[in-house]
């Protein structure tokens, strides 16, 4: 039994060391997320509650996509799209 344990000792030690490294890495990652969370939240909505940063950009794009198109935009939209597709393959 003692010989078996002596043979397994380096493997057990390596497993414990690997687990320690994994737990330490997870702790560092969670600290980085914790430190970055206030900046990310501030970039979405500022303190007064008005939209700022990312949320304002998303709202502007959604408004632009959903607003009614003028007659010339309805005609030129597909033309511009086709031109972009052709340009990609040239």
PDB file of N, CA and C in Angstrom:
ATOM      1  N   UNK A   1       0.826  -1.191   0.000  1.00  0.00           N
ATOM      2  CA  UNK A   1       0.000   0.000   0.000  1.00  0.00           C
ATOM      3  C   UNK A   1       0.873   1.259   0.000  1.00  0.00           C
ATOM      4  N   UNK A   2       1.933   1.213   0.818  1.00  0.00           N
ATOM      5  CA  UNK A   2       2.804   2.380   0.910  1.00  0.00           C
ATOM      6  C   UNK A   2       3.489   2.668  -0.436  1.00  0.00           C
ATOM      7  N   UNK A   3       3.890   1.627  -1.141  1.00  0.00           N
ATOM      8  CA  UNK A   3       4.523   1.816  -2.448  1.00  0.00           C
ATOM      9  C   UNK A   3       3.551   2.437  -3.447  1.00  0.00           C
ATOM     10  N   UNK A   4       2.296   2.024  -3.384  1.00  0.00           N
ATOM     11  CA  UNK A   4       1.289   2.594  -4.277  1.00  0.00           C
ATOM     12  C   UNK A   4       1.097   4.077  -3.980  1.00  0.00           C
ATOM     13  N   UNK A   5       1.016   4.425  -2.697  1.00  0.00           N
ATOM     14  CA  UNK A   5       0.864   5.833  -2.324  1.00  0.00           C
ATOM     15  C   UNK A   5       2.099   6.638  -2.712  1.00  0.00           C
ATOM     16  N   UNK A   6       3.276   6.051  -2.550  1.00  0.00           N
ATOM     17  CA  UNK A   6       4.500   6.745  -2.945  1.00  0.00           C
ATOM     18  C   UNK A   6       4.531   6.991  -4.450  1.00  0.00           C
ATOM     19  N   UNK A   7       4.029   6.037  -5.209  1.00  0.00           N
ATOM     20  CA  UNK A   7       3.990   6.202  -6.664  1.00  0.00           C
ATOM     21  C   UNK A   7       2.966   7.247  -7.090  1.00  0.00           C
ATOM     22  N   UNK A   8       1.869   7.350  -6.343  1.00  0.00           N
ATOM     23  CA  UNK A   8       0.813   8.299  -6.691  1.00  0.00           C
ATOM     24  C   UNK A   8       1.049   9.707  -6.149  1.00  0.00           C
ATOM     25  N   UNK A   9       1.987   9.873  -5.231  1.00  0.00           N
ATOM     26  CA  UNK A   9       2.192  11.169  -4.593  1.00  0.00           C
ATOM     27  C   UNK A   9       2.420  12.310  -5.590  1.00  0.00           C
ATOM     28  N   UNK A  10       3.278  12.168  -6.603  1.00  0.00           N
ATOM     29  CA  UNK A  10       3.455  13.276  -7.563  1.00  0.00           C
ATOM     30  C   UNK A  10       2.156  13.605  -8.317  1.00  0.00           C
ATOM     31  N   UNK A  11       1.358  12.584  -8.621  1.00  0.00           N
ATOM     32  CA  UNK A  11       0.098  12.839  -9.318  1.00  0.00           C
ATOM     33  C   UNK A  11      -0.883  13.587  -8.423  1.00  0.00           C
ATOM     34  N   UNK A  12      -0.966  13.174  -7.164  1.00  0.00           N
ATOM     35  CA  UNK A  12      -1.873  13.849  -6.219  1.00  0.00           C
ATOM     36  C   UNK A  12      -1.410  15.277  -5.999  1.00  0.00           C
ATOM     37  N   UNK A  13      -0.123  15.481  -5.834  1.00  0.00           N
ATOM     38  CA  UNK A  13       0.423  16.822  -5.633  1.00  0.00           C
ATOM     39  C   UNK A  13       0.154  17.711  -6.852  1.00  0.00           C
ATOM     40  N   UNK A  14       0.323  17.155  -8.041  1.00  0.00           N
ATOM     41  CA  UNK A  14       0.049  17.913  -9.263  1.00  0.00           C
ATOM     42  C   UNK A  14      -1.414  18.268  -9.414  1.00  0.00           C
ATOM     43  N   UNK A  15      -2.290  17.340  -9.029  1.00  0.00           N
ATOM     44  CA  UNK A  15      -3.729  17.611  -9.102  1.00  0.00           C
ATOM     45  C   UNK A  15      -4.127  18.731  -8.163  1.00  0.00           C
ATOM     46  N   UNK A  16      -3.606  18.703  -6.937  1.00  0.00           N
ATOM     47  CA  UNK A  16      -3.902  19.759  -5.964  1.00  0.00           C
ATOM     48  C   UNK A  16      -3.357  21.095  -6.450  1.00  0.00           C
ATOM     49  N   UNK A  17      -2.159  21.090  -7.014  1.00  0.00           N
ATOM     50  CA  UNK A  17      -1.574  22.328  -7.531  1.00  0.00           C
ATOM     51  C   UNK A  17      -2.400  22.874  -8.696  1.00  0.00           C
ATOM     52  N   UNK A  18      -2.862  22.002  -9.577  1.00  0.00           N
ATOM     53  CA  UNK A  18      -3.688  22.446 -10.703  1.00  0.00           C
ATOM     54  C   UNK A  18      -5.003  23.033 -10.216  1.00  0.00           C
ATOM     55  N   UNK A  19      -5.601  22.412  -9.233  1.00  0.00           N
ATOM     56  CA  UNK A  19      -6.855  22.934  -8.677  1.00  0.00           C
ATOM     57  C   UNK A  19      -6.620  24.291  -8.033  1.00  0.00           C
ATOM     58  N   UNK A  20      -5.485  24.444  -7.357  1.00  0.00           N
ATOM     59  CA  UNK A  20      -5.164  25.731  -6.735  1.00  0.00           C
ATOM     60  C   UNK A  20      -5.005  26.813  -7.791  1.00  0.00           C
ATOM     61  N   UNK A  21      -4.329  26.508  -8.872  1.00  0.00           N
ATOM     62  CA  UNK A  21      -4.145  27.474  -9.961  1.00  0.00           C
ATOM     63  C   UNK A  21      -5.496  27.833 -10.578  1.00  0.00           C
ATOM     64  N   UNK A  22      -6.350  26.856 -10.778  1.00  0.00           N
ATOM     65  CA  UNK A  22      -7.662  27.117 -11.380  1.00  0.00           C
ATOM     66  C   UNK A  22      -8.508  28.005 -10.482  1.00  0.00           C
ATOM     67  N   UNK A  23      -8.510  27.732  -9.191  1.00  0.00           N
ATOM     68  CA  UNK A  23      -9.303  28.544  -8.256  1.00  0.00           C
ATOM     69  C   UNK A  23      -8.752  29.964  -8.187  1.00  0.00           C
ATOM     70  N   UNK A  24      -7.435  30.097  -8.177  1.00  0.00           N
ATOM     71  CA  UNK A  24      -6.821  31.423  -8.136  1.00  0.00           C
ATOM     72  C   UNK A  24      -7.151  32.209  -9.405  1.00  0.00           C
ATOM     73  N   UNK A  25      -7.105  31.563 -10.554  1.00  0.00           N
ATOM     74  CA  UNK A  25      -7.447  32.234 -11.816  1.00  0.00           C
ATOM     75  C   UNK A  25      -8.906  32.675 -11.830  1.00  0.00           C
ATOM     76  N   UNK A  26      -9.788  31.835 -11.314  1.00  0.00           N
ATOM     77  CA  UNK A  26     -11.205  32.209 -11.237  1.00  0.00           C
ATOM     78  C   UNK A  26     -11.391  33.401 -10.306  1.00  0.00           C
ATOM     79  N   UNK A  27     -10.640  33.451  -9.234  1.00  0.00           N
ATOM     80  CA  UNK A  27     -10.737  34.585  -8.312  1.00  0.00           C
ATOM     81  C   UNK A  27     -10.267  35.871  -8.972  1.00  0.00           C
ATOM     82  N   UNK A  28      -9.161  35.807  -9.725  1.00  0.00           N
ATOM     83  CA  UNK A  28      -8.688  36.999 -10.428  1.00  0.00           C
ATOM     84  C   UNK A  28      -9.696  37.459 -11.483  1.00  0.00           C
ATOM     85  N   UNK A  29     -10.299  36.522 -12.182  1.00  0.00           N
ATOM     86  CA  UNK A  29     -11.288  36.884 -13.195  1.00  0.00           C
ATOM     87  C   UNK A  29     -12.515  37.524 -12.565  1.00  0.00           C
ATOM     88  N   UNK A  30     -12.967  36.982 -11.446  1.00  0.00           N
ATOM     89  CA  UNK A  30     -14.145  37.569 -10.795  1.00  0.00           C
ATOM     90  C   UNK A  30     -13.832  38.956 -10.246  1.00  0.00           C
ATOM     91  N   UNK A  31     -12.602  39.183  -9.781  1.00  0.00           N
ATOM     92  CA  UNK A  31     -12.220  40.523  -9.336  1.00  0.00           C
ATOM     93  C   UNK A  31     -12.214  41.507 -10.501  1.00  0.00           C
ATOM     94  N   UNK A  32     -11.749  41.070 -11.653  1.00  0.00           N
ATOM     95  CA  UNK A  32     -11.733  41.943 -12.830  1.00  0.00           C
ATOM     96  C   UNK A  32     -13.149  42.307 -13.254  1.00  0.00           C
ATOM     97  N   UNK A  33     -14.047  41.325 -13.199  1.00  0.00           N
ATOM     98  CA  UNK A  33     -15.453  41.600 -13.537  1.00  0.00           C
ATOM     99  C   UNK A  33     -16.055  42.560 -12.519  1.00  0.00           C
ATOM    100  N   UNK A  34     -15.758  42.328 -11.238  1.00  0.00           N
ATOM    101  CA  UNK A  34     -16.276  43.200 -10.183  1.00  0.00           C
ATOM    102  C   UNK A  34     -15.801  44.637 -10.380  1.00  0.00           C
ATOM    103  N   UNK A  35     -14.534  44.811 -10.735  1.00  0.00           N
ATOM    104  CA  UNK A  35     -13.991  46.156 -10.916  1.00  0.00           C
ATOM    105  C   UNK A  35     -14.528  46.832 -12.167  1.00  0.00           C
ATOM    106  N   UNK A  36     -14.843  46.063 -13.204  1.00  0.00           N
ATOM    107  CA  UNK A  36     -15.314  46.646 -14.461  1.00  0.00           C
ATOM    108  C   UNK A  36     -16.814  46.891 -14.472  1.00  0.00           C
ATOM    109  N   UNK A  37     -17.562  46.239 -13.606  1.00  0.00           N
ATOM    110  CA  UNK A  37     -19.024  46.342 -13.634  1.00  0.00           C
ATOM    111  C   UNK A  37     -19.540  47.774 -13.483  1.00  0.00           C
ATOM    112  N   UNK A  38     -19.026  48.590 -12.571  1.00  0.00           N
ATOM    113  CA  UNK A  38     -19.550  49.964 -12.482  1.00  0.00           C
ATOM    114  C   UNK A  38     -19.327  50.779 -13.750  1.00  0.00           C
ATOM    115  N   UNK A  39     -18.164  50.598 -14.400  1.00  0.00           N
ATOM    116  CA  UNK A  39     -17.907  51.346 -15.643  1.00  0.00           C
ATOM    117  C   UNK A  39     -18.839  50.900 -16.754  1.00  0.00           C
ATOM    118  N   UNK A  40     -19.102  49.600 -16.835  1.00  0.00           N
ATOM    119  CA  UNK A  40     -20.015  49.094 -17.863  1.00  0.00           C
ATOM    120  C   UNK A  40     -21.423  49.609 -17.613  1.00  0.00           C
ATOM    121  N   UNK A  41     -21.860  49.565 -16.364  1.00  0.00           N
ATOM    122  CA  UNK A  41     -23.201  50.056 -16.041  1.00  0.00           C
ATOM    123  C   UNK A  41     -23.319  51.546 -16.326  1.00  0.00           C
ATOM    124  N   UNK A  42     -22.270  52.307 -16.026  1.00  0.00           N
ATOM    125  CA  UNK A  42     -22.306  53.746 -16.280  1.00  0.00           C
ATOM    126  C   UNK A  42     -22.349  54.049 -17.771  1.00  0.00           C
ATOM    127  N   UNK A  43     -21.732  53.197 -18.592  1.00  0.00           N
ATOM    128  CA  UNK A  43     -21.748  53.448 -20.026  1.00  0.00           C
ATOM    129  C   UNK A  43     -23.123  53.176 -20.630  1.00  0.00           C
ATOM    130  N   UNK A  44     -23.964  52.414 -19.942  1.00  0.00           N
ATOM    131  CA  UNK A  44     -25.297  52.125 -20.444  1.00  0.00           C
ATOM    132  C   UNK A  44     -26.291  53.186 -19.988  1.00  0.00           C
ATOM    133  N   UNK A  45     -26.332  53.447 -18.716  1.00  0.00           N
ATOM    134  CA  UNK A  45     -27.265  54.444 -18.176  1.00  0.00           C
ATOM    135  C   UNK A  45     -26.510  55.299 -17.181  1.00  0.00           C
ATOM    136  N   UNK A  46     -26.564  56.634 -17.352  1.00  0.00           N
ATOM    137  CA  UNK A  46     -25.852  57.488 -16.412  1.00  0.00           C
ATOM    138  C   UNK A  46     -26.617  57.617 -15.097  1.00  0.00           C
ATOM    139  N   UNK A  47     -26.062  58.337 -14.150  1.00  0.00           N
ATOM    140  CA  UNK A  47     -26.606  58.410 -12.790  1.00  0.00           C
ATOM    141  C   UNK A  47     -28.015  59.010 -12.767  1.00  0.00           C
ATOM    142  N   UNK A  48     -28.293  59.987 -13.623  1.00  0.00           N
ATOM    143  CA  UNK A  48     -29.618  60.624 -13.598  1.00  0.00           C
ATOM    144  C   UNK A  48     -30.697  59.731 -14.200  1.00  0.00           C
ATOM    145  N   UNK A  49     -30.328  58.623 -14.791  1.00  0.00           N
ATOM    146  CA  UNK A  49     -31.312  57.706 -15.357  1.00  0.00           C
ATOM    147  C   UNK A  49     -31.571  57.915 -16.836  1.00  0.00           C
ATOM    148  N   UNK A  50     -30.983  58.952 -17.427  1.00  0.00           N
ATOM    149  CA  UNK A  50     -31.187  59.157 -18.859  1.00  0.00           C
ATOM    150  C   UNK A  50     -30.262  58.235 -19.638  1.00  0.00           C
ATOM    151  N   UNK A  51     -30.666  57.940 -20.850  1.00  0.00           N
ATOM    152  CA  UNK A  51     -29.869  57.040 -21.678  1.00  0.00           C
ATOM    153  C   UNK A  51     -28.581  57.715 -22.096  1.00  0.00           C
ATOM    154  N   UNK A  52     -27.494  56.972 -22.037  1.00  0.00           N
ATOM    155  CA  UNK A  52     -26.194  57.512 -22.383  1.00  0.00           C
ATOM    156  C   UNK A  52     -25.344  56.382 -22.947  1.00  0.00           C
ATOM    157  N   UNK A  53     -24.420  56.688 -23.784  1.00  0.00           N
ATOM    158  CA  UNK A  53     -23.480  55.693 -24.271  1.00  0.00           C
ATOM    159  C   UNK A  53     -24.123  54.630 -25.132  1.00  0.00           C
ATOM    160  N   UNK A  54     -23.983  53.386 -24.731  1.00  0.00           N
ATOM    161  CA  UNK A  54     -24.445  52.245 -25.508  1.00  0.00           C
ATOM    162  C   UNK A  54     -25.954  52.275 -25.693  1.00  0.00           C
ATOM    163  N   UNK A  55     -26.686  52.555 -24.616  1.00  0.00           N
ATOM    164  CA  UNK A  55     -28.145  52.560 -24.707  1.00  0.00           C
ATOM    165  C   UNK A  55     -28.638  53.640 -25.670  1.00  0.00           C
ATOM    166  N   UNK A  56     -27.987  54.792 -25.662  1.00  0.00           N
ATOM    167  CA  UNK A  56     -28.381  55.862 -26.585  1.00  0.00           C
ATOM    168  C   UNK A  56     -28.111  55.454 -28.032  1.00  0.00           C
ATOM    169  N   UNK A  57     -26.976  54.785 -28.256  1.00  0.00           N
ATOM    170  CA  UNK A  57     -26.658  54.317 -29.611  1.00  0.00           C
ATOM    171  C   UNK A  57     -27.676  53.290 -30.097  1.00  0.00           C
ATOM    172  N   UNK A  58     -28.046  52.376 -29.226  1.00  0.00           N
ATOM    173  CA  UNK A  58     -29.027  51.350 -29.592  1.00  0.00           C
ATOM    174  C   UNK A  58     -30.368  51.984 -29.893  1.00  0.00           C
ATOM    175  N   UNK A  59     -30.766  52.936 -29.075  1.00  0.00           N
ATOM    176  CA  UNK A  59     -32.058  53.592 -29.295  1.00  0.00           C
ATOM    177  C   UNK A  59     -32.062  54.362 -30.612  1.00  0.00           C
ATOM    178  N   UNK A  60     -30.967  55.075 -30.904  1.00  0.00           N
ATOM    179  CA  UNK A  60     -30.888  55.841 -32.150  1.00  0.00           C
ATOM    180  C   UNK A  60     -30.973  54.917 -33.367  1.00  0.00           C
ATOM    181  N   UNK A  61     -30.260  53.796 -33.316  1.00  0.00           N
ATOM    182  CA  UNK A  61     -30.288  52.854 -34.442  1.00  0.00           C
ATOM    183  C   UNK A  61     -31.671  52.226 -34.599  1.00  0.00           C
ATOM    184  N   UNK A  62     -32.317  51.885 -33.484  1.00  0.00           N
ATOM    185  CA  UNK A  62     -33.661  51.303 -33.562  1.00  0.00           C
ATOM    186  C   UNK A  62     -34.654  52.304 -34.142  1.00  0.00           C
ATOM    187  N   UNK A  63     -34.533  53.563 -33.741  1.00  0.00           N
ATOM    188  CA  UNK A  63     -35.418  54.592 -34.301  1.00  0.00           C
ATOM    189  C   UNK A  63     -35.178  54.769 -35.793  1.00  0.00           C
ATOM    190  N   UNK A  64     -33.921  54.723 -36.204  1.00  0.00           N
ATOM    191  CA  UNK A  64     -33.588  54.896 -37.618  1.00  0.00           C
ATOM    192  C   UNK A  64     -34.120  53.733 -38.458  1.00  0.00           C
ATOM    193  N   UNK A  65     -34.028  52.521 -37.923  1.00  0.00           N
ATOM    194  CA  UNK A  65     -34.481  51.348 -38.672  1.00  0.00           C
ATOM    195  C   UNK A  65     -35.997  51.313 -38.795  1.00  0.00           C
ATOM    196  N   UNK A  66     -36.705  51.712 -37.738  1.00  0.00           N
ATOM    197  CA  UNK A  66     -38.157  51.558 -37.718  1.00  0.00           C
ATOM    198  C   UNK A  66     -38.928  52.758 -38.249  1.00  0.00           C
ATOM    199  N   UNK A  67     -38.251  53.879 -38.501  1.00  0.00           N
ATOM    200  CA  UNK A  67     -39.011  55.030 -39.003  1.00  0.00           C
ATOM    201  C   UNK A  67     -39.424  54.788 -40.458  1.00  0.00           C
ATOM    202  N   UNK A  68     -40.540  55.368 -40.883  1.00  0.00           N
ATOM    203  CA  UNK A  68     -41.011  55.167 -42.263  1.00  0.00           C
ATOM    204  C   UNK A  68     -39.993  55.712 -43.273  1.00  0.00           C
ATOM    205  N   UNK A  69     -39.846  55.002 -44.375  1.00  0.00           N
ATOM    206  CA  UNK A  69     -38.909  55.396 -45.425  1.00  0.00           C
ATOM    207  C   UNK A  69     -39.607  56.296 -46.448  1.00  0.00           C
ATOM    208  N   UNK A  70     -38.845  57.206 -47.011  1.00  0.00           N
ATOM    209  CA  UNK A  70     -39.365  58.049 -48.077  1.00  0.00           C
ATOM    210  C   UNK A  70     -39.342  57.237 -49.374  1.00  0.00           C
ATOM    211  N   UNK A  71     -40.031  57.726 -50.403  1.00  0.00           N
ATOM    212  CA  UNK A  71     -40.158  56.967 -51.645  1.00  0.00           C
ATOM    213  C   UNK A  71     -38.806  56.696 -52.283  1.00  0.00           C
ATOM    214  N   UNK A  72     -37.898  57.678 -52.250  1.00  0.00           N
ATOM    215  CA  UNK A  72     -36.598  57.465 -52.889  1.00  0.00           C
ATOM    216  C   UNK A  72     -35.727  56.509 -52.064  1.00  0.00           C
ATOM    217  N   UNK A  73     -35.925  56.450 -50.760  1.00  0.00           N
ATOM    218  CA  UNK A  73     -35.184  55.499 -49.942  1.00  0.00           C
ATOM    219  C   UNK A  73     -35.644  54.066 -50.227  1.00  0.00           C
ATOM    220  N   UNK A  74     -36.913  53.913 -50.536  1.00  0.00           N
ATOM    221  CA  UNK A  74     -37.420  52.581 -50.861  1.00  0.00           C
ATOM    222  C   UNK A  74     -36.837  52.073 -52.172  1.00  0.00           C
ATOM    223  N   UNK A  75     -36.591  52.993 -53.114  1.00  0.00           N
ATOM    224  CA  UNK A  75     -36.035  52.605 -54.408  1.00  0.00           C
ATOM    225  C   UNK A  75     -34.519  52.432 -54.323  1.00  0.00           C
ATOM    226  N   UNK A  76     -33.839  53.370 -53.680  1.00  0.00           N
ATOM    227  CA  UNK A  76     -32.380  53.350 -53.667  1.00  0.00           C
ATOM    228  C   UNK A  76     -31.797  52.358 -52.657  1.00  0.00           C
ATOM    229  N   UNK A  77     -32.557  51.964 -51.635  1.00  0.00           N
ATOM    230  CA  UNK A  77     -32.054  51.019 -50.647  1.00  0.00           C
ATOM    231  C   UNK A  77     -31.589  49.713 -51.257  1.00  0.00           C
ATOM    232  N   UNK A  78     -32.440  49.036 -52.036  1.00  0.00           N
ATOM    233  CA  UNK A  78     -31.991  47.801 -52.682  1.00  0.00           C
ATOM    234  C   UNK A  78     -30.869  48.025 -53.700  1.00  0.00           C
ATOM    235  N   UNK A  79     -30.864  49.177 -54.365  1.00  0.00           N
ATOM    236  CA  UNK A  79     -29.809  49.479 -55.334  1.00  0.00           C
ATOM    237  C   UNK A  79     -28.466  49.591 -54.608  1.00  0.00           C
ATOM    238  N   UNK A  80     -28.436  50.310 -53.492  1.00  0.00           N
ATOM    239  CA  UNK A  80     -27.203  50.436 -52.709  1.00  0.00           C
ATOM    240  C   UNK A  80     -26.750  49.077 -52.165  1.00  0.00           C
ATOM    241  N   UNK A  81     -27.688  48.272 -51.725  1.00  0.00           N
ATOM    242  CA  UNK A  81     -27.344  46.949 -51.207  1.00  0.00           C
ATOM    243  C   UNK A  81     -26.733  46.078 -52.304  1.00  0.00           C
ATOM    244  N   UNK A  82     -27.325  46.091 -53.475  1.00  0.00           N
ATOM    245  CA  UNK A  82     -26.787  45.322 -54.588  1.00  0.00           C
ATOM    246  C   UNK A  82     -25.402  45.819 -54.972  1.00  0.00           C
ATOM    247  N   UNK A  83     -25.206  47.145 -54.962  1.00  0.00           N
ATOM    248  CA  UNK A  83     -23.908  47.711 -55.309  1.00  0.00           C
ATOM    249  C   UNK A  83     -22.848  47.274 -54.295  1.00  0.00           C
ATOM    250  N   UNK A  84     -23.195  47.249 -53.020  1.00  0.00           N
ATOM    251  CA  UNK A  84     -22.244  46.799 -51.990  1.00  0.00           C
ATOM    252  C   UNK A  84     -21.880  45.326 -52.180  1.00  0.00           C
ATOM    253  N   UNK A  85     -22.879  44.518 -52.506  1.00  0.00           N
ATOM    254  CA  UNK A  85     -22.619  43.084 -52.728  1.00  0.00           C
ATOM    255  C   UNK A  85     -21.701  42.878 -53.924  1.00  0.00           C
ATOM    256  N   UNK A  86     -21.949  43.612 -55.001  1.00  0.00           N
ATOM    257  CA  UNK A  86     -21.107  43.483 -56.190  1.00  0.00           C
ATOM    258  C   UNK A  86     -19.698  43.955 -55.863  1.00  0.00           C
ATOM    259  N   UNK A  87     -19.574  45.045 -55.097  1.00  0.00           N
ATOM    260  CA  UNK A  87     -18.254  45.568 -54.759  1.00  0.00           C
ATOM    261  C   UNK A  87     -17.453  44.602 -53.900  1.00  0.00           C
ATOM    262  N   UNK A  88     -18.140  43.810 -53.080  1.00  0.00           N
ATOM    263  CA  UNK A  88     -17.428  42.849 -52.240  1.00  0.00           C
ATOM    264  C   UNK A  88     -16.764  41.753 -53.063  1.00  0.00           C
ATOM    265  N   UNK A  89     -17.350  41.404 -54.200  1.00  0.00           N
ATOM    266  CA  UNK A  89     -16.825  40.319 -55.013  1.00  0.00           C
ATOM    267  C   UNK A  89     -15.897  40.797 -56.108  1.00  0.00           C
ATOM    268  N   UNK A  90     -15.629  42.059 -56.165  1.00  0.00           N
ATOM    269  CA  UNK A  90     -14.714  42.587 -57.210  1.00  0.00           C
ATOM    270  C   UNK A  90     -13.310  42.683 -56.690  1.00  0.00           C
TER     271      UNK A  90
END
